[in-house]
PDB file of all heavy atoms in Angstrom:
ATOM      1  N   MET A   1       0.832  -1.221   0.031  1.00  0.00           N
ATOM      2  CA  MET A   1       0.034   0.023   0.042  1.00  0.00           C
ATOM      3  C   MET A   1       0.852   1.253  -0.007  1.00  0.00           C
ATOM      4  O   MET A   1       0.536   2.269  -0.702  1.00  0.00           O
ATOM      5  CB  MET A   1      -0.937  -0.017   1.210  1.00  0.00           C
ATOM      6  CG  MET A   1      -1.878   1.103   1.215  1.00  0.00           C
ATOM      7  SD  MET A   1      -3.203   1.063   2.550  1.00  0.00           S
ATOM      8  CE  MET A   1      -4.142  -0.305   1.976  1.00  0.00           C
ATOM      9  N   THR A   2       1.927   1.249   0.719  1.00  0.00           N
ATOM     10  CA  THR A   2       2.852   2.473   0.740  1.00  0.00           C
ATOM     11  C   THR A   2       3.444   2.661  -0.619  1.00  0.00           C
ATOM     12  O   THR A   2       3.461   3.804  -1.083  1.00  0.00           O
ATOM     13  CB  THR A   2       3.979   2.186   1.711  1.00  0.00           C
ATOM     14  OG1 THR A   2       3.475   2.055   3.048  1.00  0.00           O
ATOM     15  CG2 THR A   2       4.977   3.347   1.789  1.00  0.00           C
ATOM     16  N   ALA A   3       3.927   1.508  -1.240  1.00  0.00           N
ATOM     17  CA  ALA A   3       4.423   1.762  -2.603  1.00  0.00           C
ATOM     18  C   ALA A   3       3.295   2.178  -3.589  1.00  0.00           C
ATOM     19  O   ALA A   3       3.722   3.053  -4.471  1.00  0.00           O
ATOM     20  CB  ALA A   3       5.056   0.383  -3.092  1.00  0.00           C
ATOM     21  N   ALA A   4       2.136   1.652  -3.502  1.00  0.00           N
ATOM     22  CA  ALA A   4       0.996   2.087  -4.402  1.00  0.00           C
ATOM     23  C   ALA A   4       0.692   3.477  -4.176  1.00  0.00           C
ATOM     24  O   ALA A   4       0.490   4.223  -5.152  1.00  0.00           O
ATOM     25  CB  ALA A   4      -0.125   1.194  -4.155  1.00  0.00           C
ATOM     26  N   LEU A   5       0.726   4.025  -2.990  1.00  0.00           N
ATOM     27  CA  LEU A   5       0.280   5.430  -2.685  1.00  0.00           C
ATOM     28  C   LEU A   5       1.367   6.294  -3.262  1.00  0.00           C
ATOM     29  O   LEU A   5       1.084   7.437  -3.790  1.00  0.00           O
ATOM     30  CB  LEU A   5       0.004   5.549  -1.192  1.00  0.00           C
ATOM     31  CG  LEU A   5      -1.321   5.147  -0.701  1.00  0.00           C
ATOM     32  CD1 LEU A   5      -1.332   5.167   0.832  1.00  0.00           C
ATOM     33  CD2 LEU A   5      -2.494   5.944  -1.354  1.00  0.00           C
ATOM     34  N   THR A   6       2.670   5.897  -3.063  1.00  0.00           N
ATOM     35  CA  THR A   6       3.748   6.657  -3.581  1.00  0.00           C
ATOM     36  C   THR A   6       3.636   6.856  -5.052  1.00  0.00           C
ATOM     37  O   THR A   6       3.821   7.984  -5.655  1.00  0.00           O
ATOM     38  CB  THR A   6       5.138   6.025  -3.233  1.00  0.00           C
ATOM     39  OG1 THR A   6       5.214   5.901  -1.823  1.00  0.00           O
ATOM     40  CG2 THR A   6       6.321   6.831  -3.713  1.00  0.00           C
ATOM     41  N   ALA A   7       3.400   5.758  -5.759  1.00  0.00           N
ATOM     42  CA  ALA A   7       3.246   5.780  -7.219  1.00  0.00           C
ATOM     43  C   ALA A   7       2.086   6.625  -7.640  1.00  0.00           C
ATOM     44  O   ALA A   7       2.076   7.372  -8.633  1.00  0.00           O
ATOM     45  CB  ALA A   7       3.137   4.381  -7.785  1.00  0.00           C
ATOM     46  N   ALA A   8       0.929   6.479  -6.887  1.00  0.00           N
ATOM     47  CA  ALA A   8      -0.265   7.272  -7.163  1.00  0.00           C
ATOM     48  C   ALA A   8      -0.038   8.772  -7.117  1.00  0.00           C
ATOM     49  O   ALA A   8      -0.445   9.496  -7.891  1.00  0.00           O
ATOM     50  CB  ALA A   8      -1.375   6.857  -6.250  1.00  0.00           C
ATOM     51  N   PHE A   9       0.786   9.135  -5.999  1.00  0.00           N
ATOM     52  CA  PHE A   9       1.120  10.528  -5.937  1.00  0.00           C
ATOM     53  C   PHE A   9       1.858  11.059  -7.152  1.00  0.00           C
ATOM     54  O   PHE A   9       1.479  12.212  -7.741  1.00  0.00           O
ATOM     55  CB  PHE A   9       2.032  10.788  -4.717  1.00  0.00           C
ATOM     56  CG  PHE A   9       1.272  11.161  -3.434  1.00  0.00           C
ATOM     57  CD1 PHE A   9       1.463  10.380  -2.259  1.00  0.00           C
ATOM     58  CD2 PHE A   9       0.307  12.119  -3.369  1.00  0.00           C
ATOM     59  CE1 PHE A   9       0.794  10.680  -1.129  1.00  0.00           C
ATOM     60  CE2 PHE A   9      -0.395  12.443  -2.207  1.00  0.00           C
ATOM     61  CZ  PHE A   9      -0.169  11.643  -1.091  1.00  0.00           C
ATOM     62  N   ALA A  10       2.815  10.274  -7.633  1.00  0.00           N
ATOM     63  CA  ALA A  10       3.676  10.697  -8.777  1.00  0.00           C
ATOM     64  C   ALA A  10       2.827  10.767 -10.021  1.00  0.00           C
ATOM     65  O   ALA A  10       2.906  11.838 -10.746  1.00  0.00           O
ATOM     66  CB  ALA A  10       4.813   9.652  -9.041  1.00  0.00           C
ATOM     67  N   ILE A  11       1.985   9.814 -10.360  1.00  0.00           N
ATOM     68  CA  ILE A  11       1.260   9.906 -11.620  1.00  0.00           C
ATOM     69  C   ILE A  11       0.160  10.890 -11.515  1.00  0.00           C
ATOM     70  O   ILE A  11      -0.147  11.572 -12.571  1.00  0.00           O
ATOM     71  CB  ILE A  11       0.596   8.468 -11.957  1.00  0.00           C
ATOM     72  CG1 ILE A  11       0.115   8.498 -13.334  1.00  0.00           C
ATOM     73  CG2 ILE A  11      -0.438   8.042 -10.944  1.00  0.00           C
ATOM     74  CD1 ILE A  11       1.138   8.837 -14.481  1.00  0.00           C
ATOM     75  N   ASN A  12      -0.383  11.155 -10.362  1.00  0.00           N
ATOM     76  CA  ASN A  12      -1.430  12.226 -10.212  1.00  0.00           C
ATOM     77  C   ASN A  12      -0.890  13.546 -10.352  1.00  0.00           C
ATOM     78  O   ASN A  12      -1.492  14.428 -10.931  1.00  0.00           O
ATOM     79  CB  ASN A  12      -2.184  12.068  -8.892  1.00  0.00           C
ATOM     80  CG  ASN A  12      -3.189  10.937  -8.833  1.00  0.00           C
ATOM     81  OD1 ASN A  12      -3.668  10.486  -9.900  1.00  0.00           O
ATOM     82  ND2 ASN A  12      -3.454  10.335  -7.694  1.00  0.00           N
ATOM     83  N   ILE A  13       0.350  13.758  -9.906  1.00  0.00           N
ATOM     84  CA  ILE A  13       1.050  15.081 -10.151  1.00  0.00           C
ATOM     85  C   ILE A  13       1.223  15.327 -11.604  1.00  0.00           C
ATOM     86  O   ILE A  13       0.915  16.388 -12.139  1.00  0.00           O
ATOM     87  CB  ILE A  13       2.446  15.105  -9.380  1.00  0.00           C
ATOM     88  CG1 ILE A  13       2.188  15.214  -7.895  1.00  0.00           C
ATOM     89  CG2 ILE A  13       3.224  16.293  -9.862  1.00  0.00           C
ATOM     90  CD1 ILE A  13       3.416  15.045  -7.031  1.00  0.00           C
ATOM     91  N   ILE A  14       1.713  14.263 -12.339  1.00  0.00           N
ATOM     92  CA  ILE A  14       1.968  14.371 -13.738  1.00  0.00           C
ATOM     93  C   ILE A  14       0.703  14.640 -14.543  1.00  0.00           C
ATOM     94  O   ILE A  14       0.533  15.588 -15.257  1.00  0.00           O
ATOM     95  CB  ILE A  14       2.625  13.102 -14.306  1.00  0.00           C
ATOM     96  CG1 ILE A  14       4.098  12.982 -13.850  1.00  0.00           C
ATOM     97  CG2 ILE A  14       2.649  13.139 -15.829  1.00  0.00           C
ATOM     98  CD1 ILE A  14       4.717  11.619 -14.027  1.00  0.00           C
ATOM     99  N   GLU A  15      -0.313  13.870 -14.193  1.00  0.00           N
ATOM    100  CA  GLU A  15      -1.632  14.004 -14.888  1.00  0.00           C
ATOM    101  C   GLU A  15      -2.304  15.355 -14.640  1.00  0.00           C
ATOM    102  O   GLU A  15      -2.821  16.043 -15.532  1.00  0.00           O
ATOM    103  CB  GLU A  15      -2.628  12.850 -14.561  1.00  0.00           C
ATOM    104  CG  GLU A  15      -3.741  12.737 -15.434  1.00  0.00           C
ATOM    105  CD  GLU A  15      -4.538  11.480 -15.221  1.00  0.00           C
ATOM    106  OE1 GLU A  15      -4.349  10.814 -14.199  1.00  0.00           O
ATOM    107  OE2 GLU A  15      -5.346  11.196 -16.089  1.00  0.00           O
ATOM    108  N   THR A  16      -2.232  15.777 -13.388  1.00  0.00           N
ATOM    109  CA  THR A  16      -2.877  17.076 -13.020  1.00  0.00           C
ATOM    110  C   THR A  16      -2.137  18.231 -13.684  1.00  0.00           C
ATOM    111  O   THR A  16      -2.740  19.168 -14.120  1.00  0.00           O
ATOM    112  CB  THR A  16      -2.873  17.222 -11.454  1.00  0.00           C
ATOM    113  OG1 THR A  16      -3.560  16.156 -10.817  1.00  0.00           O
ATOM    114  CG2 THR A  16      -3.475  18.597 -10.982  1.00  0.00           C
ATOM    115  N   VAL A  17      -0.847  18.091 -13.645  1.00  0.00           N
ATOM    116  CA  VAL A  17      -0.079  19.268 -14.318  1.00  0.00           C
ATOM    117  C   VAL A  17      -0.357  19.269 -15.756  1.00  0.00           C
ATOM    118  O   VAL A  17      -0.589  20.405 -16.375  1.00  0.00           O
ATOM    119  CB  VAL A  17       1.513  18.963 -14.024  1.00  0.00           C
ATOM    120  CG1 VAL A  17       2.323  19.887 -14.934  1.00  0.00           C
ATOM    121  CG2 VAL A  17       1.787  19.280 -12.494  1.00  0.00           C
ATOM    122  N   VAL A  18      -0.340  18.110 -16.494  1.00  0.00           N
ATOM    123  CA  VAL A  18      -0.552  18.194 -17.924  1.00  0.00           C
ATOM    124  C   VAL A  18      -1.924  18.631 -18.253  1.00  0.00           C
ATOM    125  O   VAL A  18      -2.123  19.471 -19.144  1.00  0.00           O
ATOM    126  CB  VAL A  18      -0.324  16.787 -18.510  1.00  0.00           C
ATOM    127  CG1 VAL A  18      -0.718  16.758 -19.995  1.00  0.00           C
ATOM    128  CG2 VAL A  18       1.190  16.322 -18.370  1.00  0.00           C
ATOM    129  N   LEU A  19      -2.917  18.245 -17.490  1.00  0.00           N
ATOM    130  CA  LEU A  19      -4.306  18.641 -17.726  1.00  0.00           C
ATOM    131  C   LEU A  19      -4.477  20.240 -17.521  1.00  0.00           C
ATOM    132  O   LEU A  19      -5.059  20.972 -18.286  1.00  0.00           O
ATOM    133  CB  LEU A  19      -5.323  17.942 -16.791  1.00  0.00           C
ATOM    134  CG  LEU A  19      -5.553  16.393 -17.194  1.00  0.00           C
ATOM    135  CD1 LEU A  19      -6.442  15.809 -16.214  1.00  0.00           C
ATOM    136  CD2 LEU A  19      -6.149  16.348 -18.636  1.00  0.00           C
ATOM    137  N   ALA A  20      -3.740  20.766 -16.481  1.00  0.00           N
ATOM    138  CA  ALA A  20      -3.750  22.180 -16.187  1.00  0.00           C
ATOM    139  C   ALA A  20      -3.070  22.915 -17.323  1.00  0.00           C
ATOM    140  O   ALA A  20      -3.450  23.987 -17.834  1.00  0.00           O
ATOM    141  CB  ALA A  20      -3.062  22.493 -14.883  1.00  0.00           C
ATOM    142  N   TRP A  21      -1.993  22.309 -17.849  1.00  0.00           N
ATOM    143  CA  TRP A  21      -1.277  22.913 -19.025  1.00  0.00           C
ATOM    144  C   TRP A  21      -2.138  22.939 -20.254  1.00  0.00           C
ATOM    145  O   TRP A  21      -2.160  23.921 -20.930  1.00  0.00           O
ATOM    146  CB  TRP A  21       0.051  22.156 -19.270  1.00  0.00           C
ATOM    147  CG  TRP A  21       0.773  22.579 -20.497  1.00  0.00           C
ATOM    148  CD1 TRP A  21       1.648  23.678 -20.565  1.00  0.00           C
ATOM    149  CD2 TRP A  21       0.747  22.027 -21.717  1.00  0.00           C
ATOM    150  NE1 TRP A  21       2.187  23.728 -21.749  1.00  0.00           N
ATOM    151  CE2 TRP A  21       1.630  22.800 -22.602  1.00  0.00           C
ATOM    152  CE3 TRP A  21       0.124  20.935 -22.303  1.00  0.00           C
ATOM    153  CZ2 TRP A  21       1.814  22.484 -23.947  1.00  0.00           C
ATOM    154  CZ3 TRP A  21       0.222  20.657 -23.638  1.00  0.00           C
ATOM    155  CH2 TRP A  21       1.108  21.436 -24.426  1.00  0.00           C
ATOM    156  N   VAL A  22      -2.894  21.850 -20.426  1.00  0.00           N
ATOM    157  CA  VAL A  22      -3.765  21.776 -21.700  1.00  0.00           C
ATOM    158  C   VAL A  22      -4.861  22.820 -21.486  1.00  0.00           C
ATOM    159  O   VAL A  22      -5.202  23.504 -22.410  1.00  0.00           O
ATOM    160  CB  VAL A  22      -4.363  20.323 -21.761  1.00  0.00           C
ATOM    161  CG1 VAL A  22      -5.526  20.361 -22.787  1.00  0.00           C
ATOM    162  CG2 VAL A  22      -3.348  19.286 -22.133  1.00  0.00           C
ATOM    163  N   GLU A  23      -5.452  23.007 -20.343  1.00  0.00           N
ATOM    164  CA  GLU A  23      -6.489  23.930 -20.111  1.00  0.00           C
ATOM    165  C   GLU A  23      -5.990  25.356 -20.269  1.00  0.00           C
ATOM    166  O   GLU A  23      -6.748  26.244 -20.668  1.00  0.00           O
ATOM    167  CB  GLU A  23      -6.992  23.811 -18.653  1.00  0.00           C
ATOM    168  CG  GLU A  23      -7.872  22.570 -18.490  1.00  0.00           C
ATOM    169  CD  GLU A  23      -8.231  22.407 -17.007  1.00  0.00           C
ATOM    170  OE1 GLU A  23      -7.952  23.268 -16.182  1.00  0.00           O
ATOM    171  OE2 GLU A  23      -8.954  21.360 -16.690  1.00  0.00           O
ATOM    172  N   SER A  24      -4.674  25.569 -20.110  1.00  0.00           N
ATOM    173  CA  SER A  24      -4.094  26.880 -20.299  1.00  0.00           C
ATOM    174  C   SER A  24      -3.782  27.097 -21.832  1.00  0.00           C
ATOM    175  O   SER A  24      -3.243  28.189 -22.138  1.00  0.00           O
ATOM    176  CB  SER A  24      -2.898  27.082 -19.465  1.00  0.00           C
ATOM    177  OG  SER A  24      -1.742  26.347 -20.107  1.00  0.00           O
ATOM    178  N   ARG A  25      -4.120  26.121 -22.697  1.00  0.00           N
ATOM    179  CA  ARG A  25      -3.765  26.184 -24.081  1.00  0.00           C
ATOM    180  C   ARG A  25      -2.238  26.294 -24.287  1.00  0.00           C
ATOM    181  O   ARG A  25      -1.804  26.900 -25.201  1.00  0.00           O
ATOM    182  CB  ARG A  25      -4.488  27.265 -24.825  1.00  0.00           C
ATOM    183  CG  ARG A  25      -6.005  27.333 -24.592  1.00  0.00           C
ATOM    184  CD  ARG A  25      -6.687  26.069 -25.094  1.00  0.00           C
ATOM    185  NE  ARG A  25      -6.324  25.767 -26.443  1.00  0.00           N
ATOM    186  CZ  ARG A  25      -6.576  24.610 -27.105  1.00  0.00           C
ATOM    187  NH1 ARG A  25      -7.121  23.613 -26.378  1.00  0.00           N
ATOM    188  NH2 ARG A  25      -6.288  24.332 -28.336  1.00  0.00           N
ATOM    189  N   GLY A  26      -1.497  25.669 -23.364  1.00  0.00           N
ATOM    190  CA  GLY A  26      -0.086  25.618 -23.507  1.00  0.00           C
ATOM    191  C   GLY A  26       0.618  26.843 -23.020  1.00  0.00           C
ATOM    192  O   GLY A  26       1.889  27.026 -23.238  1.00  0.00           O
ATOM    193  N   GLN A  27      -0.037  27.835 -22.439  1.00  0.00           N
ATOM    194  CA  GLN A  27       0.511  29.087 -21.981  1.00  0.00           C
ATOM    195  C   GLN A  27       1.290  28.862 -20.708  1.00  0.00           C
ATOM    196  O   GLN A  27       2.248  29.570 -20.455  1.00  0.00           O
ATOM    197  CB  GLN A  27      -0.502  30.107 -21.832  1.00  0.00           C
ATOM    198  CG  GLN A  27      -1.252  30.498 -23.113  1.00  0.00           C
ATOM    199  CD  GLN A  27      -0.294  30.930 -24.181  1.00  0.00           C
ATOM    200  OE1 GLN A  27       0.576  31.888 -23.957  1.00  0.00           O
ATOM    201  NE2 GLN A  27      -0.285  30.307 -25.342  1.00  0.00           N
ATOM    202  N   ALA A  28       0.847  27.972 -19.846  1.00  0.00           N
ATOM    203  CA  ALA A  28       1.492  27.782 -18.467  1.00  0.00           C
ATOM    204  C   ALA A  28       2.750  26.957 -18.705  1.00  0.00           C
ATOM    205  O   ALA A  28       2.925  26.263 -19.738  1.00  0.00           O
ATOM    206  CB  ALA A  28       0.537  27.072 -17.565  1.00  0.00           C
ATOM    207  N   ASP A  29       3.664  27.077 -17.716  1.00  0.00           N
ATOM    208  CA  ASP A  29       4.873  26.262 -17.756  1.00  0.00           C
ATOM    209  C   ASP A  29       4.727  25.044 -16.954  1.00  0.00           C
ATOM    210  O   ASP A  29       4.306  25.047 -15.771  1.00  0.00           O
ATOM    211  CB  ASP A  29       6.019  27.129 -17.215  1.00  0.00           C
ATOM    212  CG  ASP A  29       7.343  26.278 -17.138  1.00  0.00           C
ATOM    213  OD1 ASP A  29       7.929  26.170 -18.268  1.00  0.00           O
ATOM    214  OD2 ASP A  29       7.708  25.970 -16.071  1.00  0.00           O
ATOM    215  N   MET A  30       4.975  23.846 -17.564  1.00  0.00           N
ATOM    216  CA  MET A  30       4.706  22.539 -16.846  1.00  0.00           C
ATOM    217  C   MET A  30       5.515  22.471 -15.557  1.00  0.00           C
ATOM    218  O   MET A  30       5.025  21.998 -14.531  1.00  0.00           O
ATOM    219  CB  MET A  30       5.098  21.363 -17.861  1.00  0.00           C
ATOM    220  CG  MET A  30       4.129  21.179 -18.853  1.00  0.00           C
ATOM    221  SD  MET A  30       4.471  19.603 -19.748  1.00  0.00           S
ATOM    222  CE  MET A  30       3.305  19.681 -21.150  1.00  0.00           C
ATOM    223  N   HIS A  31       6.759  22.893 -15.573  1.00  0.00           N
ATOM    224  CA  HIS A  31       7.603  22.724 -14.407  1.00  0.00           C
ATOM    225  C   HIS A  31       7.184  23.675 -13.248  1.00  0.00           C
ATOM    226  O   HIS A  31       7.250  23.303 -12.120  1.00  0.00           O
ATOM    227  CB  HIS A  31       9.098  23.014 -14.726  1.00  0.00           C
ATOM    228  CG  HIS A  31       9.661  21.981 -15.636  1.00  0.00           C
ATOM    229  ND1 HIS A  31      10.060  20.764 -15.234  1.00  0.00           N
ATOM    230  CD2 HIS A  31       9.883  22.003 -17.013  1.00  0.00           C
ATOM    231  CE1 HIS A  31      10.521  20.005 -16.209  1.00  0.00           C
ATOM    232  NE2 HIS A  31      10.404  20.836 -17.361  1.00  0.00           N
ATOM    233  N   THR A  32       6.607  24.875 -13.605  1.00  0.00           N
ATOM    234  CA  THR A  32       6.110  25.718 -12.612  1.00  0.00           C
ATOM    235  C   THR A  32       4.839  25.125 -11.979  1.00  0.00           C
ATOM    236  O   THR A  32       4.633  25.177 -10.764  1.00  0.00           O
ATOM    237  CB  THR A  32       5.797  27.068 -13.187  1.00  0.00           C
ATOM    238  OG1 THR A  32       6.970  27.668 -13.754  1.00  0.00           O
ATOM    239  CG2 THR A  32       5.147  28.089 -12.147  1.00  0.00           C
ATOM    240  N   LEU A  33       4.026  24.567 -12.858  1.00  0.00           N
ATOM    241  CA  LEU A  33       2.793  23.908 -12.361  1.00  0.00           C
ATOM    242  C   LEU A  33       3.194  22.707 -11.417  1.00  0.00           C
ATOM    243  O   LEU A  33       2.510  22.493 -10.415  1.00  0.00           O
ATOM    244  CB  LEU A  33       1.977  23.391 -13.512  1.00  0.00           C
ATOM    245  CG  LEU A  33       1.275  24.421 -14.360  1.00  0.00           C
ATOM    246  CD1 LEU A  33       0.703  23.843 -15.621  1.00  0.00           C
ATOM    247  CD2 LEU A  33       0.191  25.191 -13.541  1.00  0.00           C
ATOM    248  N   ALA A  34       4.185  21.965 -11.840  1.00  0.00           N
ATOM    249  CA  ALA A  34       4.653  20.776 -11.033  1.00  0.00           C
ATOM    250  C   ALA A  34       5.193  21.223  -9.610  1.00  0.00           C
ATOM    251  O   ALA A  34       4.841  20.579  -8.605  1.00  0.00           O
ATOM    252  CB  ALA A  34       5.654  19.956 -11.754  1.00  0.00           C
ATOM    253  N   ASN A  35       5.933  22.197  -9.657  1.00  0.00           N
ATOM    254  CA  ASN A  35       6.498  22.796  -8.392  1.00  0.00           C
ATOM    255  C   ASN A  35       5.367  23.264  -7.488  1.00  0.00           C
ATOM    256  O   ASN A  35       5.398  23.045  -6.260  1.00  0.00           O
ATOM    257  CB  ASN A  35       7.460  23.850  -8.646  1.00  0.00           C
ATOM    258  CG  ASN A  35       8.792  23.418  -9.272  1.00  0.00           C
ATOM    259  OD1 ASN A  35       9.147  22.280  -9.075  1.00  0.00           O
ATOM    260  ND2 ASN A  35       9.509  24.277  -9.965  1.00  0.00           N
ATOM    261  N   HIS A  36       4.399  23.951  -8.054  1.00  0.00           N
ATOM    262  CA  HIS A  36       3.249  24.383  -7.260  1.00  0.00           C
ATOM    263  C   HIS A  36       2.496  23.162  -6.708  1.00  0.00           C
ATOM    264  O   HIS A  36       2.058  23.110  -5.491  1.00  0.00           O
ATOM    265  CB  HIS A  36       2.241  25.195  -8.114  1.00  0.00           C
ATOM    266  CG  HIS A  36       1.142  25.662  -7.353  1.00  0.00           C
ATOM    267  ND1 HIS A  36       1.159  26.536  -6.248  1.00  0.00           N
ATOM    268  CD2 HIS A  36      -0.202  25.518  -7.661  1.00  0.00           C
ATOM    269  CE1 HIS A  36      -0.024  26.796  -5.804  1.00  0.00           C
ATOM    270  NE2 HIS A  36      -0.938  26.176  -6.659  1.00  0.00           N
ATOM    271  N   ALA A  37       2.233  22.095  -7.542  1.00  0.00           N
ATOM    272  CA  ALA A  37       1.537  20.942  -7.049  1.00  0.00           C
ATOM    273  C   ALA A  37       2.299  20.262  -5.880  1.00  0.00           C
ATOM    274  O   ALA A  37       1.675  19.853  -4.906  1.00  0.00           O
ATOM    275  CB  ALA A  37       1.318  19.990  -8.178  1.00  0.00           C
ATOM    276  N   MET A  38       3.606  20.172  -6.042  1.00  0.00           N
ATOM    277  CA  MET A  38       4.386  19.445  -5.001  1.00  0.00           C
ATOM    278  C   MET A  38       4.435  20.295  -3.708  1.00  0.00           C
ATOM    279  O   MET A  38       4.434  19.737  -2.556  1.00  0.00           O
ATOM    280  CB  MET A  38       5.735  19.077  -5.522  1.00  0.00           C
ATOM    281  CG  MET A  38       5.627  17.814  -6.453  1.00  0.00           C
ATOM    282  SD  MET A  38       7.212  17.251  -7.090  1.00  0.00           S
ATOM    283  CE  MET A  38       7.549  18.343  -8.369  1.00  0.00           C
ATOM    284  N   THR A  39       4.484  21.649  -3.839  1.00  0.00           N
ATOM    285  CA  THR A  39       4.390  22.511  -2.753  1.00  0.00           C
ATOM    286  C   THR A  39       3.171  22.354  -1.925  1.00  0.00           C
ATOM    287  O   THR A  39       3.133  22.338  -0.708  1.00  0.00           O
ATOM    288  CB  THR A  39       4.632  23.980  -3.113  1.00  0.00           C
ATOM    289  OG1 THR A  39       5.931  24.106  -3.790  1.00  0.00           O
ATOM    290  CG2 THR A  39       4.622  24.935  -1.875  1.00  0.00           C
ATOM    291  N   LEU A  40       2.014  22.263  -2.587  1.00  0.00           N
ATOM    292  CA  LEU A  40       0.755  22.061  -1.985  1.00  0.00           C
ATOM    293  C   LEU A  40       0.770  20.748  -1.175  1.00  0.00           C
ATOM    294  O   LEU A  40       0.243  20.646  -0.083  1.00  0.00           O
ATOM    295  CB  LEU A  40      -0.372  22.000  -2.979  1.00  0.00           C
ATOM    296  CG  LEU A  40      -0.711  23.310  -3.720  1.00  0.00           C
ATOM    297  CD1 LEU A  40      -1.653  23.053  -4.841  1.00  0.00           C
ATOM    298  CD2 LEU A  40      -1.235  24.334  -2.775  1.00  0.00           C
ATOM    299  N   LEU A  41       1.336  19.632  -1.741  1.00  0.00           N
ATOM    300  CA  LEU A  41       1.391  18.394  -1.024  1.00  0.00           C
ATOM    301  C   LEU A  41       2.287  18.479   0.208  1.00  0.00           C
ATOM    302  O   LEU A  41       1.947  17.975   1.234  1.00  0.00           O
ATOM    303  CB  LEU A  41       1.846  17.245  -2.041  1.00  0.00           C
ATOM    304  CG  LEU A  41       0.894  16.852  -3.104  1.00  0.00           C
ATOM    305  CD1 LEU A  41       1.641  15.938  -4.108  1.00  0.00           C
ATOM    306  CD2 LEU A  41      -0.257  16.020  -2.413  1.00  0.00           C
TER     307      LEU A  41
END
């Protein structure tokens, strides 16, 4: 369960960041979005 939750955090960060980038029509920076997501966590 620990390993599964760790992997879930990683893929959810990637998917959330990419979807936010798509919603911005490519205007947002992926790495900035990722840093923000990880800071929230």
